[in-house]
PDB file of N, CA and C in Angstrom:
ATOM      1  N   MET A   1       0.848  -1.173   0.000  1.00  0.00           N
ATOM      2  CA  MET A   1       0.000   0.000   0.000  1.00  0.00           C
ATOM      3  C   MET A   1       0.897   1.241   0.000  1.00  0.00           C
ATOM      4  N   LYS A   2       0.520   2.231  -0.812  1.00  0.00           N
ATOM      5  CA  LYS A   2       1.287   3.472  -0.889  1.00  0.00           C
ATOM      6  C   LYS A   2       0.996   4.344   0.324  1.00  0.00           C
ATOM      7  N   SER A   3       2.002   5.079   0.727  1.00  0.00           N
ATOM      8  CA  SER A   3       1.788   6.033   1.813  1.00  0.00           C
ATOM      9  C   SER A   3       1.083   7.269   1.269  1.00  0.00           C
ATOM     10  N   VAL A   4       0.523   8.058   2.149  1.00  0.00           N
ATOM     11  CA  VAL A   4      -0.119   9.303   1.749  1.00  0.00           C
ATOM     12  C   VAL A   4       0.890  10.195   1.038  1.00  0.00           C
ATOM     13  N   GLN A   5       2.106  10.271   1.560  1.00  0.00           N
ATOM     14  CA  GLN A   5       3.128  11.115   0.937  1.00  0.00           C
ATOM     15  C   GLN A   5       3.456  10.633  -0.477  1.00  0.00           C
ATOM     16  N   GLN A   6       3.507   9.327  -0.694  1.00  0.00           N
ATOM     17  CA  GLN A   6       3.757   8.797  -2.034  1.00  0.00           C
ATOM     18  C   GLN A   6       2.626   9.196  -2.988  1.00  0.00           C
ATOM     19  N   MET A   7       1.391   9.093  -2.517  1.00  0.00           N
ATOM     20  CA  MET A   7       0.257   9.466  -3.363  1.00  0.00           C
ATOM     21  C   MET A   7       0.277  10.958  -3.685  1.00  0.00           C
ATOM     22  N   ILE A   8       0.626  11.786  -2.719  1.00  0.00           N
ATOM     23  CA  ILE A   8       0.710  13.233  -2.942  1.00  0.00           C
ATOM     24  C   ILE A   8       1.806  13.541  -3.954  1.00  0.00           C
ATOM     25  N   THR A   9       2.950  12.911  -3.808  1.00  0.00           N
ATOM     26  CA  THR A   9       4.066  13.129  -4.729  1.00  0.00           C
ATOM     27  C   THR A   9       3.683  12.727  -6.150  1.00  0.00           C
ATOM     28  N   GLU A  10       3.032  11.588  -6.302  1.00  0.00           N
ATOM     29  CA  GLU A  10       2.600  11.136  -7.623  1.00  0.00           C
ATOM     30  C   GLU A  10       1.562  12.082  -8.219  1.00  0.00           C
ATOM     31  N   ALA A  11       0.616  12.516  -7.420  1.00  0.00           N
ATOM     32  CA  ALA A  11      -0.411  13.436  -7.915  1.00  0.00           C
ATOM     33  C   ALA A  11       0.199  14.770  -8.322  1.00  0.00           C
ATOM     34  N   ALA A  12       1.131  15.269  -7.527  1.00  0.00           N
ATOM     35  CA  ALA A  12       1.770  16.555  -7.825  1.00  0.00           C
ATOM     36  C   ALA A  12       2.513  16.514  -9.162  1.00  0.00           C
ATOM     37  N   ALA A  13       3.004  15.359  -9.538  1.00  0.00           N
ATOM     38  CA  ALA A  13       3.711  15.221 -10.810  1.00  0.00           C
ATOM     39  C   ALA A  13       2.750  15.246 -12.004  1.00  0.00           C
ATOM     40  N   GLU A  14       1.478  15.039 -11.749  1.00  0.00           N
ATOM     41  CA  GLU A  14       0.489  14.951 -12.824  1.00  0.00           C
ATOM     42  C   GLU A  14      -0.365  16.208 -12.989  1.00  0.00           C
ATOM     43  N   ILE A  15      -0.298  17.132 -12.048  1.00  0.00           N
ATOM     44  CA  ILE A  15      -1.166  18.311 -12.099  1.00  0.00           C
ATOM     45  C   ILE A  15      -0.340  19.588 -12.207  1.00  0.00           C
ATOM     46  N   THR A  16      -1.011  20.628 -12.634  1.00  0.00           N
ATOM     47  CA  THR A  16      -0.408  21.953 -12.704  1.00  0.00           C
ATOM     48  C   THR A  16      -1.222  22.878 -11.812  1.00  0.00           C
ATOM     49  N   GLY A  17      -0.566  23.557 -10.916  1.00  0.00           N
ATOM     50  CA  GLY A  17      -1.247  24.508 -10.048  1.00  0.00           C
ATOM     51  C   GLY A  17      -1.266  25.885 -10.691  1.00  0.00           C
ATOM     52  N   HIS A  18      -2.335  26.623 -10.434  1.00  0.00           N
ATOM     53  CA  HIS A  18      -2.474  27.984 -10.947  1.00  0.00           C
ATOM     54  C   HIS A  18      -2.918  28.900  -9.823  1.00  0.00           C
ATOM     55  N   THR A  19      -2.524  30.144  -9.903  1.00  0.00           N
ATOM     56  CA  THR A  19      -3.043  31.145  -8.980  1.00  0.00           C
ATOM     57  C   THR A  19      -4.501  31.421  -9.359  1.00  0.00           C
ATOM     58  N   PRO A  20      -5.272  32.024  -8.467  1.00  0.00           N
ATOM     59  CA  PRO A  20      -6.642  32.397  -8.844  1.00  0.00           C
ATOM     60  C   PRO A  20      -6.677  33.315 -10.074  1.00  0.00           C
ATOM     61  N   THR A  21      -5.757  34.241 -10.159  1.00  0.00           N
ATOM     62  CA  THR A  21      -5.734  35.155 -11.301  1.00  0.00           C
ATOM     63  C   THR A  21      -5.466  34.403 -12.597  1.00  0.00           C
ATOM     64  N   GLU A  22      -4.509  33.495 -12.574  1.00  0.00           N
ATOM     65  CA  GLU A  22      -4.194  32.700 -13.763  1.00  0.00           C
ATOM     66  C   GLU A  22      -5.349  31.777 -14.117  1.00  0.00           C
ATOM     67  N   SER A  23      -6.006  31.211 -13.121  1.00  0.00           N
ATOM     68  CA  SER A  23      -7.156  30.341 -13.379  1.00  0.00           C
ATOM     69  C   SER A  23      -8.264  31.113 -14.084  1.00  0.00           C
ATOM     70  N   TRP A  24      -8.556  32.299 -13.603  1.00  0.00           N
ATOM     71  CA  TRP A  24      -9.603  33.138 -14.209  1.00  0.00           C
ATOM     72  C   TRP A  24      -9.222  33.500 -15.648  1.00  0.00           C
ATOM     73  N   ARG A  25      -7.951  33.863 -15.859  1.00  0.00           N
ATOM     74  CA  ARG A  25      -7.493  34.207 -17.206  1.00  0.00           C
ATOM     75  C   ARG A  25      -7.666  33.021 -18.146  1.00  0.00           C
ATOM     76  N   ARG A  26      -7.275  31.835 -17.705  1.00  0.00           N
ATOM     77  CA  ARG A  26      -7.398  30.641 -18.543  1.00  0.00           C
ATOM     78  C   ARG A  26      -8.867  30.363 -18.878  1.00  0.00           C
ATOM     79  N   ALA A  27      -9.742  30.560 -17.913  1.00  0.00           N
ATOM     80  CA  ALA A  27     -11.172  30.346 -18.159  1.00  0.00           C
ATOM     81  C   ALA A  27     -11.700  31.354 -19.182  1.00  0.00           C
ATOM     82  N   GLN A  28     -11.265  32.593 -19.074  1.00  0.00           N
ATOM     83  CA  GLN A  28     -11.756  33.640 -19.965  1.00  0.00           C
ATOM     84  C   GLN A  28     -11.131  33.573 -21.354  1.00  0.00           C
ATOM     85  N   GLU A  29      -9.848  33.301 -21.427  1.00  0.00           N
ATOM     86  CA  GLU A  29      -9.123  33.399 -22.694  1.00  0.00           C
ATOM     87  C   GLU A  29      -8.845  32.070 -23.376  1.00  0.00           C
ATOM     88  N   GLU A  30      -8.853  30.981 -22.642  1.00  0.00           N
ATOM     89  CA  GLU A  30      -8.455  29.696 -23.217  1.00  0.00           C
ATOM     90  C   GLU A  30      -9.525  28.619 -23.073  1.00  0.00           C
ATOM     91  N   ASN A  31     -10.722  29.007 -22.677  1.00  0.00           N
ATOM     92  CA  ASN A  31     -11.847  28.085 -22.556  1.00  0.00           C
ATOM     93  C   ASN A  31     -11.652  26.995 -21.508  1.00  0.00           C
ATOM     94  N   ALA A  32     -10.801  27.229 -20.519  1.00  0.00           N
ATOM     95  CA  ALA A  32     -10.684  26.266 -19.417  1.00  0.00           C
ATOM     96  C   ALA A  32     -11.986  26.311 -18.618  1.00  0.00           C
ATOM     97  N   LEU A  33     -12.345  25.189 -18.018  1.00  0.00           N
ATOM     98  CA  LEU A  33     -13.554  25.135 -17.205  1.00  0.00           C
ATOM     99  C   LEU A  33     -13.172  25.134 -15.736  1.00  0.00           C
ATOM    100  N   LEU A  34     -13.691  26.101 -14.999  1.00  0.00           N
ATOM    101  CA  LEU A  34     -13.500  26.146 -13.552  1.00  0.00           C
ATOM    102  C   LEU A  34     -14.503  25.183 -12.933  1.00  0.00           C
ATOM    103  N   VAL A  35     -14.013  24.257 -12.108  1.00  0.00           N
ATOM    104  CA  VAL A  35     -14.863  23.244 -11.491  1.00  0.00           C
ATOM    105  C   VAL A  35     -14.803  23.425  -9.982  1.00  0.00           C
ATOM    106  N   ASP A  36     -15.930  23.813  -9.416  1.00  0.00           N
ATOM    107  CA  ASP A  36     -16.052  24.072  -7.984  1.00  0.00           C
ATOM    108  C   ASP A  36     -16.372  22.751  -7.284  1.00  0.00           C
ATOM    109  N   ILE A  37     -15.460  22.267  -6.441  1.00  0.00           N
ATOM    110  CA  ILE A  37     -15.667  20.963  -5.793  1.00  0.00           C
ATOM    111  C   ILE A  37     -16.162  21.087  -4.347  1.00  0.00           C
ATOM    112  N   ARG A  38     -16.572  22.293  -3.967  1.00  0.00           N
ATOM    113  CA  ARG A  38     -17.088  22.474  -2.605  1.00  0.00           C
ATOM    114  C   ARG A  38     -18.479  21.856  -2.464  1.00  0.00           C
ATOM    115  N   ASP A  39     -18.880  21.592  -1.221  1.00  0.00           N
ATOM    116  CA  ASP A  39     -20.215  21.037  -1.009  1.00  0.00           C
ATOM    117  C   ASP A  39     -21.275  22.135  -1.107  1.00  0.00           C
ATOM    118  N   VAL A  40     -22.518  21.726  -1.192  1.00  0.00           N
ATOM    119  CA  VAL A  40     -23.630  22.654  -1.405  1.00  0.00           C
ATOM    120  C   VAL A  40     -23.706  23.706  -0.302  1.00  0.00           C
ATOM    121  N   GLY A  41     -23.460  23.312   0.950  1.00  0.00           N
ATOM    122  CA  GLY A  41     -23.504  24.273   2.054  1.00  0.00           C
ATOM    123  C   GLY A  41     -22.496  25.393   1.878  1.00  0.00           C
ATOM    124  N   GLU A  42     -21.295  25.053   1.406  1.00  0.00           N
ATOM    125  CA  GLU A  42     -20.277  26.076   1.166  1.00  0.00           C
ATOM    126  C   GLU A  42     -20.696  27.008   0.038  1.00  0.00           C
ATOM    127  N   LEU A  43     -21.315  26.468  -0.994  1.00  0.00           N
ATOM    128  CA  LEU A  43     -21.791  27.303  -2.097  1.00  0.00           C
ATOM    129  C   LEU A  43     -22.846  28.291  -1.601  1.00  0.00           C
ATOM    130  N   GLN A  44     -23.753  27.801  -0.770  1.00  0.00           N
ATOM    131  CA  GLN A  44     -24.817  28.652  -0.243  1.00  0.00           C
ATOM    132  C   GLN A  44     -24.262  29.755   0.648  1.00  0.00           C
ATOM    133  N   ARG A  45     -23.215  29.441   1.410  1.00  0.00           N
ATOM    134  CA  ARG A  45     -22.634  30.434   2.317  1.00  0.00           C
ATOM    135  C   ARG A  45     -21.801  31.484   1.595  1.00  0.00           C
ATOM    136  N   SER A  46     -21.053  31.066   0.577  1.00  0.00           N
ATOM    137  CA  SER A  46     -20.102  32.009  -0.008  1.00  0.00           C
ATOM    138  C   SER A  46     -20.303  32.298  -1.487  1.00  0.00           C
ATOM    139  N   GLY A  47     -21.295  31.704  -2.118  1.00  0.00           N
ATOM    140  CA  GLY A  47     -21.572  31.993  -3.514  1.00  0.00           C
ATOM    141  C   GLY A  47     -20.725  31.179  -4.470  1.00  0.00           C
ATOM    142  N   VAL A  48     -20.902  31.461  -5.742  1.00  0.00           N
ATOM    143  CA  VAL A  48     -20.225  30.707  -6.797  1.00  0.00           C
ATOM    144  C   VAL A  48     -19.466  31.649  -7.718  1.00  0.00           C
ATOM    145  N   VAL A  49     -18.504  31.108  -8.408  1.00  0.00           N
ATOM    146  CA  VAL A  49     -17.770  31.860  -9.414  1.00  0.00           C
ATOM    147  C   VAL A  49     -18.579  31.796 -10.706  1.00  0.00           C
ATOM    148  N   GLU A  50     -18.828  32.934 -11.302  1.00  0.00           N
ATOM    149  CA  GLU A  50     -19.589  33.005 -12.549  1.00  0.00           C
ATOM    150  C   GLU A  50     -18.950  32.117 -13.615  1.00  0.00           C
ATOM    151  N   GLY A  51     -19.771  31.292 -14.250  1.00  0.00           N
ATOM    152  CA  GLY A  51     -19.302  30.427 -15.320  1.00  0.00           C
ATOM    153  C   GLY A  51     -18.678  29.122 -14.866  1.00  0.00           C
ATOM    154  N   SER A  52     -18.595  28.903 -13.552  1.00  0.00           N
ATOM    155  CA  SER A  52     -17.994  27.653 -13.071  1.00  0.00           C
ATOM    156  C   SER A  52     -19.018  26.518 -13.116  1.00  0.00           C
ATOM    157  N   HIS A  53     -18.518  25.305 -13.013  1.00  0.00           N
ATOM    158  CA  HIS A  53     -19.357  24.115 -12.995  1.00  0.00           C
ATOM    159  C   HIS A  53     -19.212  23.473 -11.620  1.00  0.00           C
ATOM    160  N   HIS A  54     -20.326  23.103 -10.998  1.00  0.00           N
ATOM    161  CA  HIS A  54     -20.272  22.492  -9.676  1.00  0.00           C
ATOM    162  C   HIS A  54     -20.193  20.975  -9.799  1.00  0.00           C
ATOM    163  N   ALA A  55     -19.222  20.389  -9.114  1.00  0.00           N
ATOM    164  CA  ALA A  55     -19.055  18.936  -9.046  1.00  0.00           C
ATOM    165  C   ALA A  55     -18.542  18.627  -7.647  1.00  0.00           C
ATOM    166  N   PRO A  56     -19.428  18.288  -6.706  1.00  0.00           N
ATOM    167  CA  PRO A  56     -18.997  18.050  -5.328  1.00  0.00           C
ATOM    168  C   PRO A  56     -17.866  17.022  -5.244  1.00  0.00           C
ATOM    169  N   ARG A  57     -16.897  17.298  -4.403  1.00  0.00           N
ATOM    170  CA  ARG A  57     -15.722  16.438  -4.271  1.00  0.00           C
ATOM    171  C   ARG A  57     -16.097  14.973  -4.053  1.00  0.00           C
ATOM    172  N   GLY A  58     -17.100  14.718  -3.266  1.00  0.00           N
ATOM    173  CA  GLY A  58     -17.498  13.347  -2.968  1.00  0.00           C
ATOM    174  C   GLY A  58     -18.068  12.595  -4.161  1.00  0.00           C
ATOM    175  N   MET A  59     -18.441  13.317  -5.219  1.00  0.00           N
ATOM    176  CA  MET A  59     -19.005  12.698  -6.417  1.00  0.00           C
ATOM    177  C   MET A  59     -18.093  12.803  -7.625  1.00  0.00           C
ATOM    178  N   LEU A  60     -16.974  13.463  -7.478  1.00  0.00           N
ATOM    179  CA  LEU A  60     -16.137  13.824  -8.616  1.00  0.00           C
ATOM    180  C   LEU A  60     -15.770  12.636  -9.508  1.00  0.00           C
ATOM    181  N   GLU A  61     -15.263  11.559  -8.929  1.00  0.00           N
ATOM    182  CA  GLU A  61     -14.855  10.410  -9.741  1.00  0.00           C
ATOM    183  C   GLU A  61     -16.034   9.845 -10.529  1.00  0.00           C
ATOM    184  N   PHE A  62     -17.213   9.839  -9.943  1.00  0.00           N
ATOM    185  CA  PHE A  62     -18.397   9.324 -10.626  1.00  0.00           C
ATOM    186  C   PHE A  62     -18.823  10.246 -11.769  1.00  0.00           C
ATOM    187  N   LEU A  63     -18.704  11.545 -11.566  1.00  0.00           N
ATOM    188  CA  LEU A  63     -19.113  12.513 -12.583  1.00  0.00           C
ATOM    189  C   LEU A  63     -18.159  12.539 -13.765  1.00  0.00           C
ATOM    190  N   VAL A  64     -16.884  12.263 -13.521  1.00  0.00           N
ATOM    191  CA  VAL A  64     -15.853  12.306 -14.566  1.00  0.00           C
ATOM    192  C   VAL A  64     -15.795  10.999 -15.364  1.00  0.00           C
ATOM    193  N   ASP A  65     -16.066   9.886 -14.743  1.00  0.00           N
ATOM    194  CA  ASP A  65     -15.936   8.569 -15.385  1.00  0.00           C
ATOM    195  C   ASP A  65     -17.039   8.341 -16.421  1.00  0.00           C
ATOM    196  N   PRO A  66     -16.665   8.179 -17.703  1.00  0.00           N
ATOM    197  CA  PRO A  66     -17.686   7.971 -18.738  1.00  0.00           C
ATOM    198  C   PRO A  66     -18.479   6.675 -18.567  1.00  0.00           C
ATOM    199  N   GLU A  67     -17.967   5.736 -17.795  1.00  0.00           N
ATOM    200  CA  GLU A  67     -18.670   4.467 -17.557  1.00  0.00           C
ATOM    201  C   GLU A  67     -19.670   4.570 -16.400  1.00  0.00           C
ATOM    202  N   SER A  68     -19.632   5.657 -15.667  1.00  0.00           N
ATOM    203  CA  SER A  68     -20.506   5.828 -14.510  1.00  0.00           C
ATOM    204  C   SER A  68     -21.905   6.277 -14.934  1.00  0.00           C
ATOM    205  N   PRO A  69     -22.927   5.776 -14.260  1.00  0.00           N
ATOM    206  CA  PRO A  69     -24.281   6.257 -14.563  1.00  0.00           C
ATOM    207  C   PRO A  69     -24.469   7.732 -14.172  1.00  0.00           C
ATOM    208  N   PHE A  70     -23.548   8.287 -13.407  1.00  0.00           N
ATOM    209  CA  PHE A  70     -23.627   9.684 -12.976  1.00  0.00           C
ATOM    210  C   PHE A  70     -22.771  10.618 -13.831  1.00  0.00           C
ATOM    211  N   HIS A  71     -22.147  10.065 -14.875  1.00  0.00           N
ATOM    212  CA  HIS A  71     -21.244  10.842 -15.738  1.00  0.00           C
ATOM    213  C   HIS A  71     -21.920  12.101 -16.275  1.00  0.00           C
ATOM    214  N   LYS A  72     -21.156  13.192 -16.290  1.00  0.00           N
ATOM    215  CA  LYS A  72     -21.621  14.454 -16.863  1.00  0.00           C
ATOM    216  C   LYS A  72     -20.826  14.710 -18.144  1.00  0.00           C
ATOM    217  N   PRO A  73     -21.514  14.904 -19.262  1.00  0.00           N
ATOM    218  CA  PRO A  73     -20.839  15.093 -20.552  1.00  0.00           C
ATOM    219  C   PRO A  73     -19.818  16.222 -20.575  1.00  0.00           C
ATOM    220  N   VAL A  74     -19.987  17.220 -19.738  1.00  0.00           N
ATOM    221  CA  VAL A  74     -19.022  18.329 -19.728  1.00  0.00           C
ATOM    222  C   VAL A  74     -17.608  17.816 -19.471  1.00  0.00           C
ATOM    223  N   PHE A  75     -17.466  16.724 -18.738  1.00  0.00           N
ATOM    224  CA  PHE A  75     -16.145  16.193 -18.428  1.00  0.00           C
ATOM    225  C   PHE A  75     -15.549  15.372 -19.571  1.00  0.00           C
ATOM    226  N   ALA A  76     -16.298  15.172 -20.636  1.00  0.00           N
ATOM    227  CA  ALA A  76     -15.774  14.487 -21.814  1.00  0.00           C
ATOM    228  C   ALA A  76     -15.256  15.499 -22.844  1.00  0.00           C
ATOM    229  N   GLU A  77     -15.440  16.771 -22.573  1.00  0.00           N
ATOM    230  CA  GLU A  77     -14.993  17.806 -23.502  1.00  0.00           C
ATOM    231  C   GLU A  77     -13.467  17.903 -23.500  1.00  0.00           C
ATOM    232  N   ASP A  78     -12.926  18.264 -24.637  1.00  0.00           N
ATOM    233  CA  ASP A  78     -11.481  18.411 -24.788  1.00  0.00           C
ATOM    234  C   ASP A  78     -11.091  19.822 -24.367  1.00  0.00           C
ATOM    235  N   ARG A  79     -10.912  20.000 -23.065  1.00  0.00           N
ATOM    236  CA  ARG A  79     -10.537  21.295 -22.533  1.00  0.00           C
ATOM    237  C   ARG A  79      -9.837  21.104 -21.185  1.00  0.00           C
ATOM    238  N   GLU A  80      -9.221  22.150 -20.724  1.00  0.00           N
ATOM    239  CA  GLU A  80      -8.561  22.101 -19.415  1.00  0.00           C
ATOM    240  C   GLU A  80      -9.615  22.266 -18.326  1.00  0.00           C
ATOM    241  N   PHE A  81      -9.478  21.475 -17.274  1.00  0.00           N
ATOM    242  CA  PHE A  81     -10.360  21.584 -16.114  1.00  0.00           C
ATOM    243  C   PHE A  81      -9.522  22.108 -14.958  1.00  0.00           C
ATOM    244  N   ILE A  82     -10.019  23.154 -14.319  1.00  0.00           N
ATOM    245  CA  ILE A  82      -9.335  23.739 -13.171  1.00  0.00           C
ATOM    246  C   ILE A  82     -10.236  23.526 -11.962  1.00  0.00           C
ATOM    247  N   PHE A  83      -9.804  22.632 -11.080  1.00  0.00           N
ATOM    248  CA  PHE A  83     -10.600  22.273  -9.899  1.00  0.00           C
ATOM    249  C   PHE A  83     -10.198  23.165  -8.730  1.00  0.00           C
ATOM    250  N   TYR A  84     -11.216  23.673  -8.036  1.00  0.00           N
ATOM    251  CA  TYR A  84     -10.945  24.481  -6.847  1.00  0.00           C
ATOM    252  C   TYR A  84     -11.976  24.207  -5.799  1.00  0.00           C
TER     253      TYR A  84
END
């Protein structure tokens, strides 16, 4: 079994981090999709980013997987996804 640190190291090698400003620019200029992974209560308390797509963290793998009955077609699009 992999340690948490091993999993973090492997994940970090596969993702690119962006500042909020860079994320917004990519969404506006490069058609990246901002994906809000907060739960519904957090959305209600603090609002949403205009143009973002909501995908709760607890459902994310199901929403992204094309074989899942919960799959959302937006995740099959050929574009960058920026999760926050």
